[in-house]
Amino acid sequence: MNQAPRLALLTLALGLLAGCNSLTRQAPVVERNALPNVERPRPGPARAEEPKQDEKGMYTVRRGDTLLRIALDFGQNYRDIVAWNNLRDPDDIKVGQTLRVAPERGERSANVQTQPVPMPPSPTPPRKTAPRADKQPYNDNVAGTQPDAPARNEPVRPAAPASPAPSAPAPAVVAASDDDNRLSWMWPAEGRIVATFDEGRNKGIDIAGRPGQQVVAAGAGKVMYAGSGIRGYGNLVIVKHNNSLLSAYAHNRKIVVKEGDNVAKGQMIAEMGDSDADSVKLHFEIRQQGKPVDPSRFLPGR
């Protein structure tokens, strides 16, 4: 009679132990495998913030932009950008807004002259930029022949291959047009150069001087801007020379020309000063198709 209760208790204990082992084995299989599926973060969407490449002649406004700064960076008159985009308020442009910054094909800017204004003749003839394709070496058959003279009947011997020309300066980063080559330049102010061109840091050159010293147009052209609306430049004058070249004169004390004026090479356009600068100096830039280029490529040697 005493063995029956003991057998029952033993059977119950074995059953409980088997149940605990079963739960212990199942718990990690169910919960640990399920948790990573629930808590694992889903891969985020593709980057939507990547800046898109603007179409040719278009620009997307970014934080900190102003219409005047955009116009300077693209070598355009801000009034043209206003007209191309039908802007009611030039000061009201928004981040993400797309602007046309170049005329459409076949359209010509109303505020940009295609030829420079008349200027004094250069003391030396313009340097020849490329040899004539039909140039022949000197011989008795072609000596004294003028370009417009009728061709002679006697045959001309084939020209011998021309010898290599002397080494020429490296080509410019931006191709120069015929109008660019015809322009004549001079230094915009007298003084010591205190900062040279560095595309990453300084977009032009800085010339030290005294307050009120004359600042002159480095080349003939039309005043595209005269004011203080571009941060970092102070009182600024921008002269457009042709469809691709402009020059900028910053930190002036006083501006003596106004927008729309035609100026000759060497004409006074401002008085040197220190507006928006830490010392009296002229910051001078030349931009080709909106891109800052080294002014020393254009200015005569000193």
C-alpha atoms as a PDB file:
ATOM      1  CA  MET A   1       0.000   0.000   0.000  1.00  0.00           C
ATOM      2  CA  ASN A   2       2.947   2.373   0.631  1.00  0.00           C
ATOM      3  CA  GLN A   3       4.505   1.820  -2.797  1.00  0.00           C
ATOM      4  CA  ALA A   4       1.510   3.122  -4.751  1.00  0.00           C
ATOM      5  CA  PRO A   5       1.699   6.708  -3.450  1.00  0.00           C
ATOM      6  CA  ARG A   6       5.456   6.741  -4.036  1.00  0.00           C
ATOM      7  CA  LEU A   7       5.032   5.508  -7.602  1.00  0.00           C
ATOM      8  CA  ALA A   8       2.386   8.172  -8.267  1.00  0.00           C
ATOM      9  CA  LEU A   9       4.607  10.931  -6.900  1.00  0.00           C
ATOM     10  CA  LEU A  10       7.561   9.725  -8.964  1.00  0.00           C
ATOM     11  CA  THR A  11       5.432   9.655 -12.110  1.00  0.00           C
ATOM     12  CA  LEU A  12       4.186  13.218 -11.421  1.00  0.00           C
ATOM     13  CA  ALA A  13       7.736  14.507 -10.842  1.00  0.00           C
ATOM     14  CA  LEU A  14       8.989  12.968 -14.075  1.00  0.00           C
ATOM     15  CA  GLY A  15       6.111  14.550 -15.940  1.00  0.00           C
ATOM     16  CA  LEU A  16       6.850  18.003 -14.551  1.00  0.00           C
ATOM     17  CA  LEU A  17      10.544  17.639 -15.344  1.00  0.00           C
ATOM     18  CA  ALA A  18       9.797  16.622 -18.911  1.00  0.00           C
ATOM     19  CA  GLY A  19       7.481  19.627 -19.311  1.00  0.00           C
ATOM     20  CA  CYS A  20      10.136  22.048 -18.067  1.00  0.00           C
ATOM     21  CA  ASN A  21      12.716  20.624 -20.453  1.00  0.00           C
ATOM     22  CA  SER A  22      10.275  20.948 -23.330  1.00  0.00           C
ATOM     23  CA  LEU A  23       9.586  24.611 -22.508  1.00  0.00           C
ATOM     24  CA  THR A  24      13.276  25.320 -22.086  1.00  0.00           C
ATOM     25  CA  ARG A  25      14.103  23.913 -25.508  1.00  0.00           C
ATOM     26  CA  GLN A  26      11.229  25.679 -27.284  1.00  0.00           C
ATOM     27  CA  ALA A  27      11.717  29.135 -25.779  1.00  0.00           C
ATOM     28  CA  PRO A  28      14.923  30.094 -27.637  1.00  0.00           C
ATOM     29  CA  VAL A  29      13.637  28.645 -30.904  1.00  0.00           C
ATOM     30  CA  VAL A  30      10.461  30.733 -30.914  1.00  0.00           C
ATOM     31  CA  GLU A  31      11.433  34.027 -29.264  1.00  0.00           C
ATOM     32  CA  ARG A  32      15.044  34.535 -30.270  1.00  0.00           C
ATOM     33  CA  ASN A  33      14.443  33.739 -33.894  1.00  0.00           C
ATOM     34  CA  ALA A  34      11.336  35.882 -34.030  1.00  0.00           C
ATOM     35  CA  LEU A  35      12.818  39.025 -32.447  1.00  0.00           C
ATOM     36  CA  PRO A  36      15.333  39.800 -35.207  1.00  0.00           C
ATOM     37  CA  ASN A  37      12.561  39.629 -37.818  1.00  0.00           C
ATOM     38  CA  VAL A  38      10.505  42.132 -35.848  1.00  0.00           C
ATOM     39  CA  GLU A  39      13.204  44.600 -34.735  1.00  0.00           C
ATOM     40  CA  ARG A  40      15.545  44.511 -37.757  1.00  0.00           C
ATOM     41  CA  PRO A  41      15.374  47.991 -39.373  1.00  0.00           C
ATOM     42  CA  ARG A  42      14.249  48.025 -42.940  1.00  0.00           C
ATOM     43  CA  PRO A  43      16.719  49.430 -45.480  1.00  0.00           C
ATOM     44  CA  GLY A  44      16.082  53.126 -46.007  1.00  0.00           C
ATOM     45  CA  PRO A  45      14.995  54.548 -49.354  1.00  0.00           C
ATOM     46  CA  ALA A  46      17.540  55.675 -51.929  1.00  0.00           C
ATOM     47  CA  ARG A  47      19.077  59.075 -51.268  1.00  0.00           C
ATOM     48  CA  ALA A  48      16.688  61.731 -52.435  1.00  0.00           C
ATOM     49  CA  GLU A  49      18.986  64.578 -51.375  1.00  0.00           C
ATOM     50  CA  GLU A  50      21.571  63.958 -54.091  1.00  0.00           C
ATOM     51  CA  PRO A  51      21.894  67.180 -56.104  1.00  0.00           C
ATOM     52  CA  LYS A  52      20.761  66.682 -59.664  1.00  0.00           C
ATOM     53  CA  GLN A  53      22.883  67.826 -62.549  1.00  0.00           C
ATOM     54  CA  ASP A  54      21.307  70.972 -63.892  1.00  0.00           C
ATOM     55  CA  GLU A  55      20.384  71.066 -67.545  1.00  0.00           C
ATOM     56  CA  LYS A  56      22.535  73.251 -69.745  1.00  0.00           C
ATOM     57  CA  GLY A  57      21.582  76.861 -69.220  1.00  0.00           C
ATOM     58  CA  MET A  58      19.606  76.087 -66.044  1.00  0.00           C
ATOM     59  CA  TYR A  59      20.470  76.448 -62.349  1.00  0.00           C
ATOM     60  CA  THR A  60      18.769  75.222 -59.170  1.00  0.00           C
ATOM     61  CA  VAL A  61      18.789  77.789 -56.364  1.00  0.00           C
ATOM     62  CA  ARG A  62      20.701  76.669 -53.261  1.00  0.00           C
ATOM     63  CA  ARG A  63      20.730  77.964 -49.716  1.00  0.00           C
ATOM     64  CA  GLY A  64      22.489  81.320 -49.439  1.00  0.00           C
ATOM     65  CA  ASP A  65      22.144  82.213 -53.134  1.00  0.00           C
ATOM     66  CA  THR A  66      21.168  85.670 -54.305  1.00  0.00           C
ATOM     67  CA  LEU A  67      20.238  86.648 -57.833  1.00  0.00           C
ATOM     68  CA  LEU A  68      23.248  88.968 -58.082  1.00  0.00           C
ATOM     69  CA  ARG A  69      25.627  86.223 -56.991  1.00  0.00           C
ATOM     70  CA  ILE A  70      24.107  83.770 -59.487  1.00  0.00           C
ATOM     71  CA  ALA A  71      24.419  86.347 -62.259  1.00  0.00           C
ATOM     72  CA  LEU A  72      28.086  86.927 -61.424  1.00  0.00           C
ATOM     73  CA  ASP A  73      28.861  83.203 -61.301  1.00  0.00           C
ATOM     74  CA  PHE A  74      27.325  82.696 -64.747  1.00  0.00           C
ATOM     75  CA  GLY A  75      28.667  85.890 -66.298  1.00  0.00           C
ATOM     76  CA  GLN A  76      25.196  87.289 -66.963  1.00  0.00           C
ATOM     77  CA  ASN A  77      23.387  90.518 -66.285  1.00  0.00           C
ATOM     78  CA  TYR A  78      20.939  89.983 -63.433  1.00  0.00           C
ATOM     79  CA  ARG A  79      18.312  91.892 -65.387  1.00  0.00           C
ATOM     80  CA  ASP A  80      18.499  89.269 -68.131  1.00  0.00           C
ATOM     81  CA  ILE A  81      17.927  86.490 -65.605  1.00  0.00           C
ATOM     82  CA  VAL A  82      14.913  88.397 -64.292  1.00  0.00           C
ATOM     83  CA  ALA A  83      13.513  88.663 -67.834  1.00  0.00           C
ATOM     84  CA  TRP A  84      14.248  85.042 -68.814  1.00  0.00           C
ATOM     85  CA  ASN A  85      12.407  83.770 -65.738  1.00  0.00           C
ATOM     86  CA  ASN A  86       9.615  86.381 -65.561  1.00  0.00           C
ATOM     87  CA  LEU A  87      10.549  87.226 -61.973  1.00  0.00           C
ATOM     88  CA  ARG A  88       8.367  89.862 -60.329  1.00  0.00           C
ATOM     89  CA  ASP A  89      10.766  90.422 -57.424  1.00  0.00           C
ATOM     90  CA  PRO A  90      14.489  89.789 -58.011  1.00  0.00           C
ATOM     91  CA  ASP A  91      15.003  89.419 -54.261  1.00  0.00           C
ATOM     92  CA  ASP A  92      12.366  86.683 -53.960  1.00  0.00           C
ATOM     93  CA  ILE A  93      14.021  83.464 -55.131  1.00  0.00           C
ATOM     94  CA  LYS A  94      13.534  80.199 -53.233  1.00  0.00           C
ATOM     95  CA  VAL A  95      15.748  77.211 -52.500  1.00  0.00           C
ATOM     96  CA  GLY A  96      15.031  74.507 -55.067  1.00  0.00           C
ATOM     97  CA  GLN A  97      13.724  76.951 -57.653  1.00  0.00           C
ATOM     98  CA  THR A  98      15.067  76.354 -61.164  1.00  0.00           C
ATOM     99  CA  LEU A  99      16.242  79.414 -63.068  1.00  0.00           C
ATOM    100  CA  ARG A 100      17.325  79.919 -66.647  1.00  0.00           C
ATOM    101  CA  VAL A 101      20.798  81.461 -66.564  1.00  0.00           C
ATOM    102  CA  ALA A 102      21.539  81.534 -70.307  1.00  0.00           C
ATOM    103  CA  PRO A 103      19.488  82.650 -73.286  1.00  0.00           C
ATOM    104  CA  GLU A 104      17.685  80.028 -75.304  1.00  0.00           C
ATOM    105  CA  ARG A 105      19.136  79.113 -78.668  1.00  0.00           C
ATOM    106  CA  GLY A 106      18.622  81.904 -81.154  1.00  0.00           C
ATOM    107  CA  GLU A 107      17.822  84.424 -78.410  1.00  0.00           C
ATOM    108  CA  ARG A 108      20.182  87.279 -77.692  1.00  0.00           C
ATOM    109  CA  SER A 109      20.512  89.137 -74.430  1.00  0.00           C
ATOM    110  CA  ALA A 110      19.135  92.646 -74.556  1.00  0.00           C
ATOM    111  CA  ASN A 111      21.635  93.888 -71.991  1.00  0.00           C
ATOM    112  CA  VAL A 112      24.832  92.410 -73.378  1.00  0.00           C
ATOM    113  CA  GLN A 113      26.718  93.995 -76.225  1.00  0.00           C
ATOM    114  CA  THR A 114      28.221  91.649 -78.775  1.00  0.00           C
ATOM    115  CA  GLN A 115      31.139  93.920 -79.631  1.00  0.00           C
ATOM    116  CA  PRO A 116      33.314  96.003 -77.288  1.00  0.00           C
ATOM    117  CA  VAL A 117      32.882  99.763 -77.415  1.00  0.00           C
ATOM    118  CA  PRO A 118      35.466 101.695 -79.460  1.00  0.00           C
ATOM    119  CA  MET A 119      38.822 102.007 -77.763  1.00  0.00           C
ATOM    120  CA  PRO A 120      42.195 103.564 -78.640  1.00  0.00           C
ATOM    121  CA  PRO A 121      44.214 101.524 -81.160  1.00  0.00           C
ATOM    122  CA  SER A 122      46.808  99.233 -79.653  1.00  0.00           C
ATOM    123  CA  PRO A 123      50.393 100.505 -80.108  1.00  0.00           C
ATOM    124  CA  THR A 124      51.410  97.098 -81.450  1.00  0.00           C
ATOM    125  CA  PRO A 125      49.472  95.014 -83.957  1.00  0.00           C
ATOM    126  CA  PRO A 126      47.526  92.094 -82.495  1.00  0.00           C
ATOM    127  CA  ARG A 127      49.500  88.890 -82.270  1.00  0.00           C
ATOM    128  CA  LYS A 128      48.642  86.294 -84.867  1.00  0.00           C
ATOM    129  CA  THR A 129      46.881  83.410 -83.182  1.00  0.00           C
ATOM    130  CA  ALA A 130      47.030  80.741 -85.889  1.00  0.00           C
ATOM    131  CA  PRO A 131      48.796  80.270 -89.242  1.00  0.00           C
ATOM    132  CA  ARG A 132      46.828  80.387 -92.464  1.00  0.00           C
ATOM    133  CA  ALA A 133      45.869  76.952 -93.679  1.00  0.00           C
ATOM    134  CA  ASP A 134      46.856  77.778 -97.266  1.00  0.00           C
ATOM    135  CA  LYS A 135      50.242  79.321 -96.477  1.00  0.00           C
ATOM    136  CA  GLN A 136      53.003  78.106 -98.860  1.00  0.00           C
ATOM    137  CA  PRO A 137      56.754  78.144 -98.249  1.00  0.00           C
ATOM    138  CA  TYR A 138      58.665  80.770-100.180  1.00  0.00           C
ATOM    139  CA  ASN A 139      59.672  79.880-103.740  1.00  0.00           C
ATOM    140  CA  ASP A 140      59.864  81.558-107.125  1.00  0.00           C
ATOM    141  CA  ASN A 141      56.361  80.488-108.105  1.00  0.00           C
ATOM    142  CA  VAL A 142      54.568  81.962-105.123  1.00  0.00           C
ATOM    143  CA  ALA A 143      56.824  84.891-104.214  1.00  0.00           C
ATOM    144  CA  GLY A 144      54.933  88.150-104.308  1.00  0.00           C
ATOM    145  CA  THR A 145      51.579  86.482-104.869  1.00  0.00           C
ATOM    146  CA  GLN A 146      48.807  88.304-103.029  1.00  0.00           C
ATOM    147  CA  PRO A 147      45.758  86.515-101.519  1.00  0.00           C
ATOM    148  CA  ASP A 148      43.403  88.098-104.054  1.00  0.00           C
ATOM    149  CA  ALA A 149      45.666  87.774-107.113  1.00  0.00           C
ATOM    150  CA  PRO A 150      44.591  85.307-109.839  1.00  0.00           C
ATOM    151  CA  ALA A 151      46.301  81.942-109.803  1.00  0.00           C
ATOM    152  CA  ARG A 152      49.165  81.420-112.275  1.00  0.00           C
ATOM    153  CA  ASN A 153      48.894  78.839-115.011  1.00  0.00           C
ATOM    154  CA  GLU A 154      52.248  77.196-114.387  1.00  0.00           C
ATOM    155  CA  PRO A 155      52.112  74.294-111.928  1.00  0.00           C
ATOM    156  CA  VAL A 156      53.405  74.759-108.441  1.00  0.00           C
ATOM    157  CA  ARG A 157      55.466  72.082-106.812  1.00  0.00           C
ATOM    158  CA  PRO A 158      53.856  70.448-103.793  1.00  0.00           C
ATOM    159  CA  ALA A 159      54.917  72.151-100.625  1.00  0.00           C
ATOM    160  CA  ALA A 160      57.315  70.310 -98.383  1.00  0.00           C
ATOM    161  CA  PRO A 161      56.031  69.434 -94.925  1.00  0.00           C
ATOM    162  CA  ALA A 162      56.337  72.443 -92.685  1.00  0.00           C
ATOM    163  CA  SER A 163      58.813  72.242 -89.840  1.00  0.00           C
ATOM    164  CA  PRO A 164      57.355  72.203 -86.344  1.00  0.00           C
ATOM    165  CA  ALA A 165      56.469  75.651 -85.074  1.00  0.00           C
ATOM    166  CA  PRO A 166      58.191  77.024 -81.965  1.00  0.00           C
ATOM    167  CA  SER A 167      56.641  75.951 -78.715  1.00  0.00           C
ATOM    168  CA  ALA A 168      53.550  78.035 -77.898  1.00  0.00           C
ATOM    169  CA  PRO A 169      51.981  78.791 -74.504  1.00  0.00           C
ATOM    170  CA  ALA A 170      49.704  76.130 -73.101  1.00  0.00           C
ATOM    171  CA  PRO A 171      46.072  76.567 -74.200  1.00  0.00           C
ATOM    172  CA  ALA A 172      43.698  78.272 -71.789  1.00  0.00           C
ATOM    173  CA  VAL A 173      41.239  76.236 -69.784  1.00  0.00           C
ATOM    174  CA  VAL A 174      38.373  78.106 -71.469  1.00  0.00           C
ATOM    175  CA  ALA A 175      38.685  78.553 -75.212  1.00  0.00           C
ATOM    176  CA  ALA A 176      39.109  82.184 -76.171  1.00  0.00           C
ATOM    177  CA  SER A 177      36.926  83.618 -78.908  1.00  0.00           C
ATOM    178  CA  ASP A 178      37.996  86.127 -81.548  1.00  0.00           C
ATOM    179  CA  ASP A 179      36.344  88.892 -79.506  1.00  0.00           C
ATOM    180  CA  ASP A 180      38.427  87.860 -76.475  1.00  0.00           C
ATOM    181  CA  ASN A 181      41.653  88.025 -78.489  1.00  0.00           C
ATOM    182  CA  ARG A 182      40.800  91.491 -79.848  1.00  0.00           C
ATOM    183  CA  LEU A 183      40.389  93.017 -76.397  1.00  0.00           C
ATOM    184  CA  SER A 184      43.147  95.261 -75.083  1.00  0.00           C
ATOM    185  CA  TRP A 185      43.834  95.293 -71.323  1.00  0.00           C
ATOM    186  CA  MET A 186      45.625  97.461 -68.785  1.00  0.00           C
ATOM    187  CA  TRP A 187      46.114  97.340 -65.020  1.00  0.00           C
ATOM    188  CA  PRO A 188      43.063  98.676 -63.126  1.00  0.00           C
ATOM    189  CA  ALA A 189      45.145 100.391 -60.419  1.00  0.00           C
ATOM    190  CA  GLU A 190      48.686 101.157 -59.382  1.00  0.00           C
ATOM    191  CA  GLY A 191      50.004  99.406 -56.306  1.00  0.00           C
ATOM    192  CA  ARG A 192      51.572  96.332 -54.815  1.00  0.00           C
ATOM    193  CA  ILE A 193      49.921  92.956 -55.372  1.00  0.00           C
ATOM    194  CA  VAL A 194      49.136  91.564 -51.919  1.00  0.00           C
ATOM    195  CA  ALA A 195      47.194  88.462 -53.019  1.00  0.00           C
ATOM    196  CA  THR A 196      47.493  86.445 -56.218  1.00  0.00           C
ATOM    197  CA  PHE A 197      44.949  84.312 -58.033  1.00  0.00           C
ATOM    198  CA  ASP A 198      44.077  81.005 -56.414  1.00  0.00           C
ATOM    199  CA  GLU A 199      40.974  79.342 -57.842  1.00  0.00           C
ATOM    200  CA  GLY A 200      40.210  77.630 -54.548  1.00  0.00           C
ATOM    201  CA  ARG A 201      40.708  80.658 -52.281  1.00  0.00           C
ATOM    202  CA  ASN A 202      41.068  83.911 -54.172  1.00  0.00           C
ATOM    203  CA  LYS A 203      39.150  84.369 -57.430  1.00  0.00           C
ATOM    204  CA  GLY A 204      41.233  87.321 -58.534  1.00  0.00           C
ATOM    205  CA  ILE A 205      44.129  89.505 -57.400  1.00  0.00           C
ATOM    206  CA  ASP A 206      44.302  92.104 -54.626  1.00  0.00           C
ATOM    207  CA  ILE A 207      46.131  95.391 -55.219  1.00  0.00           C
ATOM    208  CA  ALA A 208      47.002  97.524 -52.185  1.00  0.00           C
ATOM    209  CA  GLY A 209      46.624 101.297 -52.409  1.00  0.00           C
ATOM    210  CA  ARG A 210      45.518 104.426 -50.636  1.00  0.00           C
ATOM    211  CA  PRO A 211      41.968 105.689 -49.955  1.00  0.00           C
ATOM    212  CA  GLY A 212      40.514 107.551 -52.917  1.00  0.00           C
ATOM    213  CA  GLN A 213      43.078 106.244 -55.403  1.00  0.00           C
ATOM    214  CA  GLN A 214      41.748 105.930 -58.945  1.00  0.00           C
ATOM    215  CA  VAL A 215      40.345 102.607 -60.108  1.00  0.00           C
ATOM    216  CA  VAL A 216      40.046 102.429 -63.899  1.00  0.00           C
ATOM    217  CA  ALA A 217      38.387 100.052 -66.330  1.00  0.00           C
ATOM    218  CA  ALA A 218      40.921  97.440 -67.369  1.00  0.00           C
ATOM    219  CA  GLY A 219      39.253  97.174 -70.767  1.00  0.00           C
ATOM    220  CA  ALA A 220      36.516  98.815 -72.776  1.00  0.00           C
ATOM    221  CA  GLY A 221      32.979  97.628 -72.130  1.00  0.00           C
ATOM    222  CA  LYS A 222      29.616  98.312 -70.543  1.00  0.00           C
ATOM    223  CA  VAL A 223      28.867  98.646 -66.822  1.00  0.00           C
ATOM    224  CA  MET A 224      26.716  95.644 -65.995  1.00  0.00           C
ATOM    225  CA  TYR A 225      26.442  96.314 -62.255  1.00  0.00           C
ATOM    226  CA  ALA A 226      27.336  99.098 -59.826  1.00  0.00           C
ATOM    227  CA  GLY A 227      26.330  98.660 -56.192  1.00  0.00           C
ATOM    228  CA  SER A 228      26.875  96.773 -52.952  1.00  0.00           C
ATOM    229  CA  GLY A 229      24.438  93.878 -53.261  1.00  0.00           C
ATOM    230  CA  ILE A 230      26.946  90.986 -53.259  1.00  0.00           C
ATOM    231  CA  ARG A 231      28.240  90.042 -49.830  1.00  0.00           C
ATOM    232  CA  GLY A 232      32.010  90.059 -49.509  1.00  0.00           C
ATOM    233  CA  TYR A 233      32.631  92.500 -52.361  1.00  0.00           C
ATOM    234  CA  GLY A 234      31.592  95.811 -50.823  1.00  0.00           C
ATOM    235  CA  ASN A 235      31.028  98.570 -53.354  1.00  0.00           C
ATOM    236  CA  LEU A 236      31.376  96.657 -56.600  1.00  0.00           C
ATOM    237  CA  VAL A 237      31.571  97.520 -60.297  1.00  0.00           C
ATOM    238  CA  ILE A 238      31.195  94.830 -62.964  1.00  0.00           C
ATOM    239  CA  VAL A 239      32.087  95.627 -66.576  1.00  0.00           C
ATOM    240  CA  LYS A 240      30.937  93.381 -69.419  1.00  0.00           C
ATOM    241  CA  HIS A 241      33.435  93.380 -72.289  1.00  0.00           C
ATOM    242  CA  ASN A 242      31.768  90.936 -74.688  1.00  0.00           C
ATOM    243  CA  ASN A 243      29.573  87.846 -74.551  1.00  0.00           C
ATOM    244  CA  SER A 244      32.096  85.835 -72.560  1.00  0.00           C
ATOM    245  CA  LEU A 245      34.379  88.210 -70.627  1.00  0.00           C
ATOM    246  CA  LEU A 246      33.661  90.500 -67.692  1.00  0.00           C
ATOM    247  CA  SER A 247      35.806  92.194 -65.053  1.00  0.00           C
ATOM    248  CA  ALA A 248      34.922  92.969 -61.424  1.00  0.00           C
ATOM    249  CA  TYR A 249      36.295  95.744 -59.161  1.00  0.00           C
ATOM    250  CA  ALA A 250      35.514  95.325 -55.439  1.00  0.00           C
ATOM    251  CA  HIS A 251      35.943  97.103 -52.056  1.00  0.00           C
ATOM    252  CA  ASN A 252      35.674 100.615 -53.535  1.00  0.00           C
ATOM    253  CA  ARG A 253      35.110 103.686 -51.404  1.00  0.00           C
ATOM    254  CA  LYS A 254      33.027 105.390 -54.061  1.00  0.00           C
ATOM    255  CA  ILE A 255      31.586 104.364 -57.435  1.00  0.00           C
ATOM    256  CA  VAL A 256      31.610 107.063 -60.137  1.00  0.00           C
ATOM    257  CA  VAL A 257      29.777 105.194 -62.927  1.00  0.00           C
ATOM    258  CA  LYS A 258      26.295 103.766 -63.137  1.00  0.00           C
ATOM    259  CA  GLU A 259      24.735 100.673 -64.619  1.00  0.00           C
ATOM    260  CA  GLY A 260      24.435 100.866 -68.395  1.00  0.00           C
ATOM    261  CA  ASP A 261      27.356 103.287 -68.912  1.00  0.00           C
ATOM    262  CA  ASN A 262      29.798 102.548 -71.716  1.00  0.00           C
ATOM    263  CA  VAL A 263      33.350 102.912 -70.450  1.00  0.00           C
ATOM    264  CA  ALA A 264      36.637 103.150 -72.314  1.00  0.00           C
ATOM    265  CA  LYS A 265      39.823 101.384 -71.359  1.00  0.00           C
ATOM    266  CA  GLY A 266      41.558 103.461 -68.681  1.00  0.00           C
ATOM    267  CA  GLN A 267      38.443 105.453 -67.734  1.00  0.00           C
ATOM    268  CA  MET A 268      38.001 106.034 -63.997  1.00  0.00           C
ATOM    269  CA  ILE A 269      35.126 104.008 -62.594  1.00  0.00           C
ATOM    270  CA  ALA A 270      35.666 104.156 -58.801  1.00  0.00           C
ATOM    271  CA  GLU A 271      37.789 105.304 -55.889  1.00  0.00           C
ATOM    272  CA  MET A 272      39.759 102.662 -54.005  1.00  0.00           C
ATOM    273  CA  GLY A 273      38.573 101.888 -50.478  1.00  0.00           C
ATOM    274  CA  ASP A 274      38.042  99.202 -47.857  1.00  0.00           C
ATOM    275  CA  SER A 275      34.302  98.488 -48.051  1.00  0.00           C
ATOM    276  CA  ASP A 276      33.697  94.936 -46.803  1.00  0.00           C
ATOM    277  CA  ALA A 277      37.477  94.455 -46.491  1.00  0.00           C
ATOM    278  CA  ASP A 278      40.099  94.577 -43.743  1.00  0.00           C
ATOM    279  CA  SER A 279      42.359  97.063 -45.553  1.00  0.00           C
ATOM    280  CA  VAL A 280      42.384  99.530 -48.439  1.00  0.00           C
ATOM    281  CA  LYS A 281      42.753  97.518 -51.622  1.00  0.00           C
ATOM    282  CA  LEU A 282      41.216  96.680 -54.964  1.00  0.00           C
ATOM    283  CA  HIS A 283      40.026  93.136 -55.488  1.00  0.00           C
ATOM    284  CA  PHE A 284      40.089  92.586 -59.258  1.00  0.00           C
ATOM    285  CA  GLU A 285      38.618  89.620 -61.119  1.00  0.00           C
ATOM    286  CA  ILE A 286      38.316  88.559 -64.737  1.00  0.00           C
ATOM    287  CA  ARG A 287      35.648  85.976 -65.498  1.00  0.00           C
ATOM    288  CA  GLN A 288      35.346  84.037 -68.725  1.00  0.00           C
ATOM    289  CA  GLN A 289      31.897  82.509 -69.300  1.00  0.00           C
ATOM    290  CA  GLY A 290      31.310  83.047 -65.578  1.00  0.00           C
ATOM    291  CA  LYS A 291      34.427  81.115 -64.520  1.00  0.00           C
ATOM    292  CA  PRO A 292      37.130  83.053 -62.620  1.00  0.00           C
ATOM    293  CA  VAL A 293      40.423  83.036 -64.538  1.00  0.00           C
ATOM    294  CA  ASP A 294      43.882  84.293 -63.657  1.00  0.00           C
ATOM    295  CA  PRO A 295      44.036  88.016 -64.573  1.00  0.00           C
ATOM    296  CA  SER A 296      47.763  87.689 -65.289  1.00  0.00           C
ATOM    297  CA  ARG A 297      46.806  85.831 -68.485  1.00  0.00           C
ATOM    298  CA  PHE A 298      45.291  89.061 -69.806  1.00  0.00           C
ATOM    299  CA  LEU A 299      47.074  91.980 -68.118  1.00  0.00           C
ATOM    300  CA  PRO A 300      50.336  93.298 -69.607  1.00  0.00           C
ATOM    301  CA  GLY A 301      53.604  92.714 -67.763  1.00  0.00           C
ATOM    302  CA  ARG A 302      54.746  95.274 -65.263  1.00  0.00           C
END
